[in-house]
C-alpha atoms as a PDB file:
ATOM      1  CA  UNK A   1      25.044 -20.354-153.905  1.00  0.00           C
ATOM      2  CA  UNK A   2      24.395 -16.927-155.035  1.00  0.00           C
ATOM      3  CA  UNK A   3      27.815 -14.791-156.874  1.00  0.00           C
ATOM      4  CA  UNK A   4      27.245 -12.455-153.539  1.00  0.00           C
ATOM      5  CA  UNK A   5      27.840 -14.834-150.844  1.00  0.00           C
ATOM      6  CA  UNK A   6      30.882 -16.451-152.982  1.00  0.00           C
ATOM      7  CA  UNK A   7      32.334 -13.292-152.991  1.00  0.00           C
ATOM      8  CA  UNK A   8      31.948 -12.855-149.187  1.00  0.00           C
ATOM      9  CA  UNK A   9      33.766 -16.148-147.951  1.00  0.00           C
ATOM     10  CA  UNK A  10      36.057 -15.518-150.720  1.00  0.00           C
ATOM     11  CA  UNK A  11      36.818 -11.928-148.112  1.00  0.00           C
ATOM     12  CA  UNK A  12      36.394 -14.621-145.101  1.00  0.00           C
ATOM     13  CA  UNK A  13      39.120 -16.239-145.987  1.00  0.00           C
ATOM     14  CA  UNK A  14      41.111 -13.588-147.477  1.00  0.00           C
ATOM     15  CA  UNK A  15      40.789 -12.154-143.780  1.00  0.00           C
ATOM     16  CA  UNK A  16      41.910 -15.599-142.256  1.00  0.00           C
ATOM     17  CA  UNK A  17      44.526 -16.038-144.442  1.00  0.00           C
ATOM     18  CA  UNK A  18      46.018 -12.345-143.550  1.00  0.00           C
ATOM     19  CA  UNK A  19      45.080 -12.921-140.050  1.00  0.00           C
ATOM     20  CA  UNK A  20      47.231 -16.247-140.287  1.00  0.00           C
ATOM     21  CA  UNK A  21      50.205 -14.291-141.912  1.00  0.00           C
ATOM     22  CA  UNK A  22      50.447 -11.066-139.158  1.00  0.00           C
ATOM     23  CA  UNK A  23      49.830 -13.661-136.221  1.00  0.00           C
ATOM     24  CA  UNK A  24      53.235 -15.358-138.237  1.00  0.00           C
ATOM     25  CA  UNK A  25      54.917 -12.569-138.390  1.00  0.00           C
ATOM     26  CA  UNK A  26      54.388 -11.368-135.148  1.00  0.00           C
ATOM     27  CA  UNK A  27      55.943 -14.727-134.173  1.00  0.00           C
ATOM     28  CA  UNK A  28      58.478 -14.811-136.268  1.00  0.00           C
ATOM     29  CA  UNK A  29      59.367 -10.907-134.735  1.00  0.00           C
ATOM     30  CA  UNK A  30      58.777 -12.164-131.293  1.00  0.00           C
ATOM     31  CA  UNK A  31      61.284 -15.045-131.787  1.00  0.00           C
ATOM     32  CA  UNK A  32      63.699 -12.582-133.391  1.00  0.00           C
ATOM     33  CA  UNK A  33      64.229 -10.004-130.866  1.00  0.00           C
ATOM     34  CA  UNK A  34      64.265 -13.090-128.382  1.00  0.00           C
ATOM     35  CA  UNK A  35      67.634 -14.013-130.328  1.00  0.00           C
ATOM     36  CA  UNK A  36      68.798 -10.652-130.155  1.00  0.00           C
ATOM     37  CA  UNK A  37      68.970 -10.311-126.284  1.00  0.00           C
ATOM     38  CA  UNK A  38      69.866 -13.845-126.252  1.00  0.00           C
ATOM     39  CA  UNK A  39      73.002 -12.812-128.381  1.00  0.00           C
ATOM     40  CA  UNK A  40      72.966  -9.877-126.176  1.00  0.00           C
ATOM     41  CA  UNK A  41      72.895 -12.255-122.778  1.00  0.00           C
ATOM     42  CA  UNK A  42      75.549 -14.439-124.009  1.00  0.00           C
ATOM     43  CA  UNK A  43      77.897 -12.719-125.843  1.00  0.00           C
ATOM     44  CA  UNK A  44      77.261 -14.332-129.481  1.00  0.00           C
ATOM     45  CA  UNK A  45      78.494 -12.666-132.870  1.00  0.00           C
ATOM     46  CA  UNK A  46      78.246 -14.516-136.071  1.00  0.00           C
ATOM     47  CA  UNK A  47      80.359 -13.556-139.197  1.00  0.00           C
ATOM     48  CA  UNK A  48      78.073 -12.348-141.770  1.00  0.00           C
ATOM     49  CA  UNK A  49      74.042 -12.265-142.178  1.00  0.00           C
ATOM     50  CA  UNK A  50      74.239 -15.420-143.849  1.00  0.00           C
ATOM     51  CA  UNK A  51      75.627 -17.051-140.642  1.00  0.00           C
ATOM     52  CA  UNK A  52      73.741 -15.203-138.508  1.00  0.00           C
ATOM     53  CA  UNK A  53      70.393 -16.585-140.833  1.00  0.00           C
ATOM     54  CA  UNK A  54      71.161 -19.756-140.429  1.00  0.00           C
ATOM     55  CA  UNK A  55      71.866 -19.494-136.206  1.00  0.00           C
ATOM     56  CA  UNK A  56      68.641 -18.305-135.788  1.00  0.00           C
ATOM     57  CA  UNK A  57      67.116 -21.024-137.743  1.00  0.00           C
ATOM     58  CA  UNK A  58      68.712 -23.519-135.092  1.00  0.00           C
ATOM     59  CA  UNK A  59      67.645 -20.946-132.482  1.00  0.00           C
ATOM     60  CA  UNK A  60      63.682 -20.913-133.627  1.00  0.00           C
ATOM     61  CA  UNK A  61      63.685 -25.077-133.707  1.00  0.00           C
ATOM     62  CA  UNK A  62      65.361 -25.083-130.323  1.00  0.00           C
ATOM     63  CA  UNK A  63      63.183 -22.962-128.641  1.00  0.00           C
ATOM     64  CA  UNK A  64      60.299 -24.626-129.691  1.00  0.00           C
ATOM     65  CA  UNK A  65      61.545 -27.898-128.763  1.00  0.00           C
ATOM     66  CA  UNK A  66      61.545 -25.924-125.076  1.00  0.00           C
ATOM     67  CA  UNK A  67      58.844 -24.174-125.057  1.00  0.00           C
ATOM     68  CA  UNK A  68      56.057 -27.372-126.255  1.00  0.00           C
ATOM     69  CA  UNK A  69      58.598 -29.866-123.255  1.00  0.00           C
ATOM     70  CA  UNK A  70      56.762 -30.642-120.608  1.00  0.00           C
ATOM     71  CA  UNK A  71      57.160 -33.033-117.924  1.00  0.00           C
ATOM     72  CA  UNK A  72      56.099 -32.951-114.495  1.00  0.00           C
ATOM     73  CA  UNK A  73      59.602 -34.082-112.920  1.00  0.00           C
ATOM     74  CA  UNK A  74      61.557 -30.890-114.973  1.00  0.00           C
ATOM     75  CA  UNK A  75      61.811 -27.877-116.507  1.00  0.00           C
ATOM     76  CA  UNK A  76      63.765 -26.816-119.350  1.00  0.00           C
ATOM     77  CA  UNK A  77      65.068 -23.260-120.749  1.00  0.00           C
ATOM     78  CA  UNK A  78      66.439 -21.558-123.226  1.00  0.00           C
ATOM     79  CA  UNK A  79      70.936 -21.836-122.215  1.00  0.00           C
ATOM     80  CA  UNK A  80      73.536 -20.672-124.388  1.00  0.00           C
ATOM     81  CA  UNK A  81      73.496 -23.456-126.205  1.00  0.00           C
ATOM     82  CA  UNK A  82      70.516 -22.774-127.962  1.00  0.00           C
ATOM     83  CA  UNK A  83      71.797 -22.023-131.266  1.00  0.00           C
ATOM     84  CA  UNK A  84      73.761 -25.324-131.445  1.00  0.00           C
ATOM     85  CA  UNK A  85      72.370 -28.383-133.909  1.00  0.00           C
ATOM     86  CA  UNK A  86      72.526 -31.333-131.540  1.00  0.00           C
ATOM     87  CA  UNK A  87      75.554 -32.396-133.370  1.00  0.00           C
ATOM     88  CA  UNK A  88      77.307 -29.537-132.749  1.00  0.00           C
ATOM     89  CA  UNK A  89      76.949 -29.671-129.291  1.00  0.00           C
ATOM     90  CA  UNK A  90      77.942 -33.038-129.165  1.00  0.00           C
ATOM     91  CA  UNK A  91      81.151 -32.168-130.686  1.00  0.00           C
ATOM     92  CA  UNK A  92      81.944 -29.386-129.148  1.00  0.00           C
ATOM     93  CA  UNK A  93      81.725 -30.239-125.763  1.00  0.00           C
ATOM     94  CA  UNK A  94      80.898 -33.946-124.884  1.00  0.00           C
ATOM     95  CA  UNK A  95      84.931 -35.470-124.220  1.00  0.00           C
ATOM     96  CA  UNK A  96      84.256 -39.122-124.492  1.00  0.00           C
ATOM     97  CA  UNK A  97      84.506 -39.334-128.071  1.00  0.00           C
ATOM     98  CA  UNK A  98      86.187 -43.034-127.618  1.00  0.00           C
ATOM     99  CA  UNK A  99      84.576 -45.897-126.324  1.00  0.00           C
ATOM    100  CA  UNK A 100      85.448 -46.058-122.894  1.00  0.00           C
ATOM    101  CA  UNK A 101      86.999 -49.421-120.894  1.00  0.00           C
ATOM    102  CA  UNK A 102      84.250 -50.888-119.379  1.00  0.00           C
ATOM    103  CA  UNK A 103      85.809 -54.549-117.333  1.00  0.00           C
ATOM    104  CA  UNK A 104      83.244 -56.398-116.651  1.00  0.00           C
ATOM    105  CA  UNK A 105      85.009 -56.965-113.184  1.00  0.00           C
ATOM    106  CA  UNK A 106      86.372 -53.916-111.353  1.00  0.00           C
ATOM    107  CA  UNK A 107      89.915 -54.617-111.340  1.00  0.00           C
ATOM    108  CA  UNK A 108      91.143 -51.787-108.353  1.00  0.00           C
ATOM    109  CA  UNK A 109      89.899 -52.805-104.561  1.00  0.00           C
ATOM    110  CA  UNK A 110      87.109 -50.557-103.435  1.00  0.00           C
ATOM    111  CA  UNK A 111      87.256 -49.345-100.066  1.00  0.00           C
ATOM    112  CA  UNK A 112      83.578 -48.673 -99.045  1.00  0.00           C
ATOM    113  CA  UNK A 113      82.729 -52.360-100.009  1.00  0.00           C
ATOM    114  CA  UNK A 114      82.051 -53.311 -95.889  1.00  0.00           C
ATOM    115  CA  UNK A 115      80.228 -50.033 -95.138  1.00  0.00           C
ATOM    116  CA  UNK A 116      76.689 -50.626 -93.576  1.00  0.00           C
ATOM    117  CA  UNK A 117      75.017 -47.632 -93.016  1.00  0.00           C
ATOM    118  CA  UNK A 118      75.135 -43.891 -95.104  1.00  0.00           C
ATOM    119  CA  UNK A 119      73.740 -41.029 -94.257  1.00  0.00           C
ATOM    120  CA  UNK A 120      69.946 -41.289 -95.878  1.00  0.00           C
ATOM    121  CA  UNK A 121      71.253 -37.768 -97.387  1.00  0.00           C
ATOM    122  CA  UNK A 122      74.163 -36.482 -98.512  1.00  0.00           C
ATOM    123  CA  UNK A 123      75.609 -33.030 -99.738  1.00  0.00           C
ATOM    124  CA  UNK A 124      79.576 -32.190-100.469  1.00  0.00           C
ATOM    125  CA  UNK A 125      78.776 -28.621-101.006  1.00  0.00           C
ATOM    126  CA  UNK A 126      77.419 -28.754 -97.680  1.00  0.00           C
ATOM    127  CA  UNK A 127      80.724 -29.401 -96.092  1.00  0.00           C
ATOM    128  CA  UNK A 128      82.886 -27.494 -97.880  1.00  0.00           C
ATOM    129  CA  UNK A 129      84.185 -30.178-100.770  1.00  0.00           C
ATOM    130  CA  UNK A 130      83.297 -28.531-104.013  1.00  0.00           C
ATOM    131  CA  UNK A 131      84.072 -25.422-105.834  1.00  0.00           C
ATOM    132  CA  UNK A 132      82.414 -22.675-107.572  1.00  0.00           C
ATOM    133  CA  UNK A 133      80.554 -24.288-110.777  1.00  0.00           C
ATOM    134  CA  UNK A 134      83.457 -23.936-113.432  1.00  0.00           C
ATOM    135  CA  UNK A 135      82.807 -23.840-117.481  1.00  0.00           C
ATOM    136  CA  UNK A 136      84.746 -25.717-119.759  1.00  0.00           C
ATOM    137  CA  UNK A 137      83.540 -23.711-122.629  1.00  0.00           C
ATOM    138  CA  UNK A 138      83.769 -24.906-126.780  1.00  0.00           C
ATOM    139  CA  UNK A 139      86.114 -27.518-125.529  1.00  0.00           C
ATOM    140  CA  UNK A 140      85.690 -31.448-124.625  1.00  0.00           C
ATOM    141  CA  UNK A 141      87.568 -31.179-121.588  1.00  0.00           C
ATOM    142  CA  UNK A 142      84.272 -32.318-118.905  1.00  0.00           C
ATOM    143  CA  UNK A 143      87.241 -35.513-118.444  1.00  0.00           C
ATOM    144  CA  UNK A 144      89.226 -32.808-116.598  1.00  0.00           C
ATOM    145  CA  UNK A 145      86.861 -31.014-114.634  1.00  0.00           C
ATOM    146  CA  UNK A 146      85.274 -34.021-113.688  1.00  0.00           C
ATOM    147  CA  UNK A 147      88.295 -35.762-112.197  1.00  0.00           C
ATOM    148  CA  UNK A 148      89.671 -31.791-110.795  1.00  0.00           C
ATOM    149  CA  UNK A 149      86.803 -31.675-108.923  1.00  0.00           C
ATOM    150  CA  UNK A 150      86.717 -35.204-107.291  1.00  0.00           C
ATOM    151  CA  UNK A 151      89.718 -34.152-106.102  1.00  0.00           C
ATOM    152  CA  UNK A 152      89.097 -31.122-104.946  1.00  0.00           C
ATOM    153  CA  UNK A 153      86.621 -32.944-102.619  1.00  0.00           C
ATOM    154  CA  UNK A 154      88.650 -35.416-100.990  1.00  0.00           C
ATOM    155  CA  UNK A 155      91.735 -33.073-100.671  1.00  0.00           C
ATOM    156  CA  UNK A 156      89.344 -31.175 -98.532  1.00  0.00           C
ATOM    157  CA  UNK A 157      88.355 -34.112 -96.707  1.00  0.00           C
ATOM    158  CA  UNK A 158      91.202 -35.463 -96.286  1.00  0.00           C
ATOM    159  CA  UNK A 159      93.351 -31.892 -95.386  1.00  0.00           C
ATOM    160  CA  UNK A 160      90.903 -29.610 -94.257  1.00  0.00           C
ATOM    161  CA  UNK A 161      91.205 -26.955 -97.226  1.00  0.00           C
ATOM    162  CA  UNK A 162      89.626 -26.226-100.432  1.00  0.00           C
ATOM    163  CA  UNK A 163      91.948 -25.486-103.030  1.00  0.00           C
ATOM    164  CA  UNK A 164      90.921 -24.906-106.815  1.00  0.00           C
ATOM    165  CA  UNK A 165      92.643 -26.998-108.445  1.00  0.00           C
ATOM    166  CA  UNK A 166      94.023 -26.703-112.476  1.00  0.00           C
ATOM    167  CA  UNK A 167      92.561 -28.406-115.214  1.00  0.00           C
ATOM    168  CA  UNK A 168      94.054 -26.531-117.814  1.00  0.00           C
ATOM    169  CA  UNK A 169      97.438 -28.762-116.487  1.00  0.00           C
ATOM    170  CA  UNK A 170      95.640 -31.778-117.653  1.00  0.00           C
ATOM    171  CA  UNK A 171      94.304 -30.750-120.878  1.00  0.00           C
ATOM    172  CA  UNK A 172      97.985 -29.877-121.891  1.00  0.00           C
ATOM    173  CA  UNK A 173      99.634 -32.580-119.906  1.00  0.00           C
ATOM    174  CA  UNK A 174      97.663 -35.822-120.056  1.00  0.00           C
ATOM    175  CA  UNK A 175      98.472 -38.049-122.436  1.00  0.00           C
ATOM    176  CA  UNK A 176      97.235 -41.750-123.403  1.00  0.00           C
ATOM    177  CA  UNK A 177      94.321 -42.314-124.325  1.00  0.00           C
ATOM    178  CA  UNK A 178      93.398 -38.430-123.483  1.00  0.00           C
ATOM    179  CA  UNK A 179      93.779 -35.218-126.064  1.00  0.00           C
ATOM    180  CA  UNK A 180      93.175 -32.265-124.194  1.00  0.00           C
ATOM    181  CA  UNK A 181      89.679 -30.559-125.689  1.00  0.00           C
ATOM    182  CA  UNK A 182      89.601 -33.974-128.389  1.00  0.00           C
ATOM    183  CA  UNK A 183      88.412 -35.229-125.047  1.00  0.00           C
ATOM    184  CA  UNK A 184      89.791 -37.986-122.570  1.00  0.00           C
ATOM    185  CA  UNK A 185      89.316 -40.302-119.318  1.00  0.00           C
ATOM    186  CA  UNK A 186      89.334 -39.772-115.686  1.00  0.00           C
ATOM    187  CA  UNK A 187      91.439 -42.930-115.296  1.00  0.00           C
ATOM    188  CA  UNK A 188      94.265 -41.807-117.394  1.00  0.00           C
ATOM    189  CA  UNK A 189      94.172 -37.997-114.660  1.00  0.00           C
ATOM    190  CA  UNK A 190      94.668 -39.400-112.356  1.00  0.00           C
ATOM    191  CA  UNK A 191      97.417 -41.584-112.936  1.00  0.00           C
ATOM    192  CA  UNK A 192      98.892 -38.239-114.310  1.00  0.00           C
ATOM    193  CA  UNK A 193      99.070 -36.703-111.226  1.00  0.00           C
ATOM    194  CA  UNK A 194     100.427 -39.739-108.942  1.00  0.00           C
ATOM    195  CA  UNK A 195     103.176 -39.848-111.573  1.00  0.00           C
ATOM    196  CA  UNK A 196     103.641 -36.365-111.600  1.00  0.00           C
ATOM    197  CA  UNK A 197     103.319 -36.283-107.647  1.00  0.00           C
ATOM    198  CA  UNK A 198     100.789 -33.796-107.478  1.00  0.00           C
ATOM    199  CA  UNK A 199      98.517 -31.198-109.711  1.00  0.00           C
ATOM    200  CA  UNK A 200      98.936 -27.837-109.403  1.00  0.00           C
ATOM    201  CA  UNK A 201      96.443 -25.152-108.333  1.00  0.00           C
ATOM    202  CA  UNK A 202      94.000 -22.935-110.711  1.00  0.00           C
ATOM    203  CA  UNK A 203      95.538 -19.565-109.668  1.00  0.00           C
ATOM    204  CA  UNK A 204      98.944 -20.723-111.012  1.00  0.00           C
ATOM    205  CA  UNK A 205      97.492 -22.924-114.120  1.00  0.00           C
ATOM    206  CA  UNK A 206      94.440 -20.940-114.861  1.00  0.00           C
ATOM    207  CA  UNK A 207      92.139 -22.583-117.332  1.00  0.00           C
ATOM    208  CA  UNK A 208      92.748 -21.744-121.126  1.00  0.00           C
ATOM    209  CA  UNK A 209      89.875 -23.392-122.423  1.00  0.00           C
ATOM    210  CA  UNK A 210      92.394 -24.415-125.484  1.00  0.00           C
ATOM    211  CA  UNK A 211      94.443 -27.293-126.181  1.00  0.00           C
ATOM    212  CA  UNK A 212      98.085 -25.602-125.098  1.00  0.00           C
ATOM    213  CA  UNK A 213     101.366 -27.047-124.629  1.00  0.00           C
ATOM    214  CA  UNK A 214     102.510 -28.752-121.478  1.00  0.00           C
ATOM    215  CA  UNK A 215     103.434 -25.699-119.102  1.00  0.00           C
ATOM    216  CA  UNK A 216     106.275 -27.683-116.462  1.00  0.00           C
ATOM    217  CA  UNK A 217     107.217 -24.312-115.346  1.00  0.00           C
ATOM    218  CA  UNK A 218     103.534 -23.889-114.001  1.00  0.00           C
ATOM    219  CA  UNK A 219     102.821 -27.156-113.179  1.00  0.00           C
ATOM    220  CA  UNK A 220     105.451 -27.502-110.743  1.00  0.00           C
ATOM    221  CA  UNK A 221     103.693 -25.723-108.261  1.00  0.00           C
ATOM    222  CA  UNK A 222     101.557 -28.680-106.785  1.00  0.00           C
ATOM    223  CA  UNK A 223      99.252 -28.239-104.203  1.00  0.00           C
ATOM    224  CA  UNK A 224      97.684 -31.507-104.071  1.00  0.00           C
ATOM    225  CA  UNK A 225      98.205 -35.128-104.090  1.00  0.00           C
ATOM    226  CA  UNK A 226      96.357 -38.334-104.414  1.00  0.00           C
ATOM    227  CA  UNK A 227      98.134 -41.746-104.191  1.00  0.00           C
ATOM    228  CA  UNK A 228      95.415 -43.526-107.236  1.00  0.00           C
ATOM    229  CA  UNK A 229      91.991 -44.266-107.438  1.00  0.00           C
ATOM    230  CA  UNK A 230      89.571 -46.784-107.812  1.00  0.00           C
ATOM    231  CA  UNK A 231      86.594 -47.931-109.447  1.00  0.00           C
ATOM    232  CA  UNK A 232      83.021 -48.403-107.717  1.00  0.00           C
ATOM    233  CA  UNK A 233      81.807 -51.967-108.789  1.00  0.00           C
ATOM    234  CA  UNK A 234      79.706 -51.389-112.381  1.00  0.00           C
ATOM    235  CA  UNK A 235      76.367 -51.310-112.556  1.00  0.00           C
ATOM    236  CA  UNK A 236      75.364 -51.028-109.099  1.00  0.00           C
ATOM    237  CA  UNK A 237      73.959 -47.653-107.652  1.00  0.00           C
ATOM    238  CA  UNK A 238      73.519 -49.690-104.083  1.00  0.00           C
ATOM    239  CA  UNK A 239      78.033 -49.558-104.193  1.00  0.00           C
ATOM    240  CA  UNK A 240      78.094 -45.586-106.135  1.00  0.00           C
ATOM    241  CA  UNK A 241      75.737 -44.836-102.614  1.00  0.00           C
ATOM    242  CA  UNK A 242      78.528 -45.707-100.464  1.00  0.00           C
ATOM    243  CA  UNK A 243      80.966 -44.519-101.855  1.00  0.00           C
ATOM    244  CA  UNK A 244      78.861 -41.097-102.505  1.00  0.00           C
ATOM    245  CA  UNK A 245      78.532 -41.069 -98.802  1.00  0.00           C
ATOM    246  CA  UNK A 246      82.744 -40.825 -98.440  1.00  0.00           C
ATOM    247  CA  UNK A 247      83.386 -38.327-101.185  1.00  0.00           C
ATOM    248  CA  UNK A 248      82.535 -36.862-104.734  1.00  0.00           C
ATOM    249  CA  UNK A 249      82.593 -39.492-107.365  1.00  0.00           C
ATOM    250  CA  UNK A 250      83.472 -39.225-111.527  1.00  0.00           C
ATOM    251  CA  UNK A 251      80.972 -40.684-113.218  1.00  0.00           C
ATOM    252  CA  UNK A 252      80.219 -41.135-117.250  1.00  0.00           C
ATOM    253  CA  UNK A 253      76.928 -40.120-118.861  1.00  0.00           C
ATOM    254  CA  UNK A 254      74.915 -39.942-122.436  1.00  0.00           C
ATOM    255  CA  UNK A 255      75.159 -35.797-121.928  1.00  0.00           C
ATOM    256  CA  UNK A 256      74.110 -35.281-125.549  1.00  0.00           C
ATOM    257  CA  UNK A 257      69.681 -36.061-124.456  1.00  0.00           C
ATOM    258  CA  UNK A 258      68.204 -32.906-125.818  1.00  0.00           C
ATOM    259  CA  UNK A 259      66.397 -32.421-122.790  1.00  0.00           C
ATOM    260  CA  UNK A 260      69.695 -32.561-120.693  1.00  0.00           C
ATOM    261  CA  UNK A 261      70.891 -30.295-123.047  1.00  0.00           C
ATOM    262  CA  UNK A 262      68.456 -27.448-122.115  1.00  0.00           C
ATOM    263  CA  UNK A 263      67.430 -28.847-118.429  1.00  0.00           C
ATOM    264  CA  UNK A 264      67.636 -25.908-115.724  1.00  0.00           C
ATOM    265  CA  UNK A 265      65.151 -27.470-112.673  1.00  0.00           C
ATOM    266  CA  UNK A 266      63.736 -30.293-110.791  1.00  0.00           C
ATOM    267  CA  UNK A 267      64.275 -34.258-110.857  1.00  0.00           C
ATOM    268  CA  UNK A 268      65.877 -35.264-114.249  1.00  0.00           C
ATOM    269  CA  UNK A 269      64.390 -38.839-114.786  1.00  0.00           C
ATOM    270  CA  UNK A 270      64.089 -38.664-118.518  1.00  0.00           C
ATOM    271  CA  UNK A 271      64.666 -42.169-120.378  1.00  0.00           C
ATOM    272  CA  UNK A 272      68.369 -41.449-122.025  1.00  0.00           C
ATOM    273  CA  UNK A 273      70.863 -43.531-123.054  1.00  0.00           C
ATOM    274  CA  UNK A 274      74.050 -45.874-122.357  1.00  0.00           C
ATOM    275  CA  UNK A 275      76.333 -43.926-124.864  1.00  0.00           C
ATOM    276  CA  UNK A 276      78.562 -42.716-122.580  1.00  0.00           C
ATOM    277  CA  UNK A 277      80.142 -39.123-123.971  1.00  0.00           C
ATOM    278  CA  UNK A 278      80.282 -36.807-121.434  1.00  0.00           C
ATOM    279  CA  UNK A 279      82.108 -36.798-117.469  1.00  0.00           C
ATOM    280  CA  UNK A 280      80.694 -34.819-114.496  1.00  0.00           C
ATOM    281  CA  UNK A 281      81.182 -34.962-110.387  1.00  0.00           C
ATOM    282  CA  UNK A 282      78.632 -36.934-108.131  1.00  0.00           C
ATOM    283  CA  UNK A 283      78.521 -34.725-104.731  1.00  0.00           C
ATOM    284  CA  UNK A 284      75.997 -35.743-102.758  1.00  0.00           C
ATOM    285  CA  UNK A 285      72.631 -37.632-103.194  1.00  0.00           C
ATOM    286  CA  UNK A 286      68.965 -37.072-101.502  1.00  0.00           C
ATOM    287  CA  UNK A 287      65.312 -37.570-101.939  1.00  0.00           C
ATOM    288  CA  UNK A 288      62.696 -35.003-103.041  1.00  0.00           C
ATOM    289  CA  UNK A 289      59.659 -34.174-100.835  1.00  0.00           C
ATOM    290  CA  UNK A 290      57.154 -37.128-102.779  1.00  0.00           C
ATOM    291  CA  UNK A 291      60.119 -39.739-102.582  1.00  0.00           C
ATOM    292  CA  UNK A 292      62.151 -39.536-105.297  1.00  0.00           C
ATOM    293  CA  UNK A 293      65.530 -40.363-105.069  1.00  0.00           C
ATOM    294  CA  UNK A 294      68.535 -38.408-106.712  1.00  0.00           C
ATOM    295  CA  UNK A 295      72.131 -38.181-107.140  1.00  0.00           C
ATOM    296  CA  UNK A 296      73.471 -34.546-107.382  1.00  0.00           C
ATOM    297  CA  UNK A 297      75.478 -33.893-110.078  1.00  0.00           C
ATOM    298  CA  UNK A 298      78.261 -30.826-110.534  1.00  0.00           C
ATOM    299  CA  UNK A 299      78.453 -30.004-114.167  1.00  0.00           C
ATOM    300  CA  UNK A 300      80.683 -28.184-115.943  1.00  0.00           C
ATOM    301  CA  UNK A 301      78.717 -25.962-118.674  1.00  0.00           C
ATOM    302  CA  UNK A 302      78.576 -22.469-115.993  1.00  0.00           C
ATOM    303  CA  UNK A 303      76.296 -21.518-113.424  1.00  0.00           C
ATOM    304  CA  UNK A 304      73.639 -20.532-116.817  1.00  0.00           C
ATOM    305  CA  UNK A 305      72.664 -24.555-117.308  1.00  0.00           C
ATOM    306  CA  UNK A 306      71.094 -26.307-114.723  1.00  0.00           C
ATOM    307  CA  UNK A 307      70.492 -25.601-111.093  1.00  0.00           C
ATOM    308  CA  UNK A 308      73.333 -22.935-111.426  1.00  0.00           C
ATOM    309  CA  UNK A 309      75.647 -25.220-112.686  1.00  0.00           C
ATOM    310  CA  UNK A 310      74.175 -28.357-110.948  1.00  0.00           C
ATOM    311  CA  UNK A 311      72.023 -31.334-112.084  1.00  0.00           C
ATOM    312  CA  UNK A 312      69.361 -33.711-109.760  1.00  0.00           C
ATOM    313  CA  UNK A 313      69.486 -36.948-111.393  1.00  0.00           C
ATOM    314  CA  UNK A 314      66.932 -39.802-110.630  1.00  0.00           C
ATOM    315  CA  UNK A 315      68.699 -42.788-107.687  1.00  0.00           C
ATOM    316  CA  UNK A 316      67.958 -46.037-108.132  1.00  0.00           C
ATOM    317  CA  UNK A 317      65.813 -46.304-111.072  1.00  0.00           C
ATOM    318  CA  UNK A 318      64.909 -49.917-112.754  1.00  0.00           C
ATOM    319  CA  UNK A 319      68.114 -49.909-115.345  1.00  0.00           C
ATOM    320  CA  UNK A 320      71.303 -51.221-114.047  1.00  0.00           C
ATOM    321  CA  UNK A 321      73.515 -48.610-115.465  1.00  0.00           C
ATOM    322  CA  UNK A 322      71.630 -46.410-114.038  1.00  0.00           C
ATOM    323  CA  UNK A 323      70.346 -43.282-115.555  1.00  0.00           C
ATOM    324  CA  UNK A 324      71.717 -42.234-118.238  1.00  0.00           C
ATOM    325  CA  UNK A 325      75.005 -44.674-118.001  1.00  0.00           C
ATOM    326  CA  UNK A 326      75.890 -42.905-114.574  1.00  0.00           C
ATOM    327  CA  UNK A 327      76.351 -46.191-112.598  1.00  0.00           C
ATOM    328  CA  UNK A 328      78.560 -47.700-115.311  1.00  0.00           C
ATOM    329  CA  UNK A 329      82.363 -46.978-115.050  1.00  0.00           C
ATOM    330  CA  UNK A 330      82.170 -44.531-111.559  1.00  0.00           C
ATOM    331  CA  UNK A 331      85.649 -43.855-109.895  1.00  0.00           C
ATOM    332  CA  UNK A 332      87.133 -41.773-107.111  1.00  0.00           C
ATOM    333  CA  UNK A 333      90.910 -40.815-105.864  1.00  0.00           C
ATOM    334  CA  UNK A 334      92.415 -41.774-102.650  1.00  0.00           C
ATOM    335  CA  UNK A 335      94.378 -39.233-101.119  1.00  0.00           C
END
């Protein structure tokens, strides 16, 4: 090869390299702008430049995951969790940090055992038994939100009145195995409400997103009561269906799966584990036009997550534990 050809080849390689560098810088600039817009949208502030750069790198990695993800059944989108690592996300939001008390047999009665017919679809939102989506923020209080949603539901079904109830009272006052923002159990919450004789409204005992001292004065204004709770037979979606056909039901799931974290629409049917670390409320069920059965899940991560705060999760899967373990420990309150 002549020296002229070598020089020409060199300039071609150099030009291509420069193009790669320029494209990379443009992409970086685009992501930087996207991060700035995201920060503004979600009211994010960082303590210094180093922290901002660290968060940007995490944001970049998460955006790349979201944009490269494909599943024909459901979609992902950038949301308020995009600058957190998986470990940070699980630590701050998923409220079951201790092993659940999963029994091999149902300890309480199951009042829907003899139900033989259920509606083909059910949506307790349409029947006025579900309050608007709430946000637990950076507090592992999902257990309180899931419990409250179920009690709001049965209270409306039995009285005709939909009242937003107080998660903060549960966060502050429920003891035993539950520790406020550090995680807890719906079972403890039910037992507290029964013993106390009711639960306060959200307006009287508003949510703060942090552990506070139990305010007996605010809690004195009980507006909803329950007699107790029952458990759906474990690992049985058919029995779970009977319960949800009659009232909203609390379930525990493994909520730390990355795709679930950025879920935005469709029927979530991605394989996930059964390391139960998050509590949600099933508020209905249905079937898609192409025949996929699903549960309607009310979450407590605000309206910018999922389908305006809700998710549709595949129902009647091959695993008896249910998708993400949702059939492993369902409970519901008794009015």
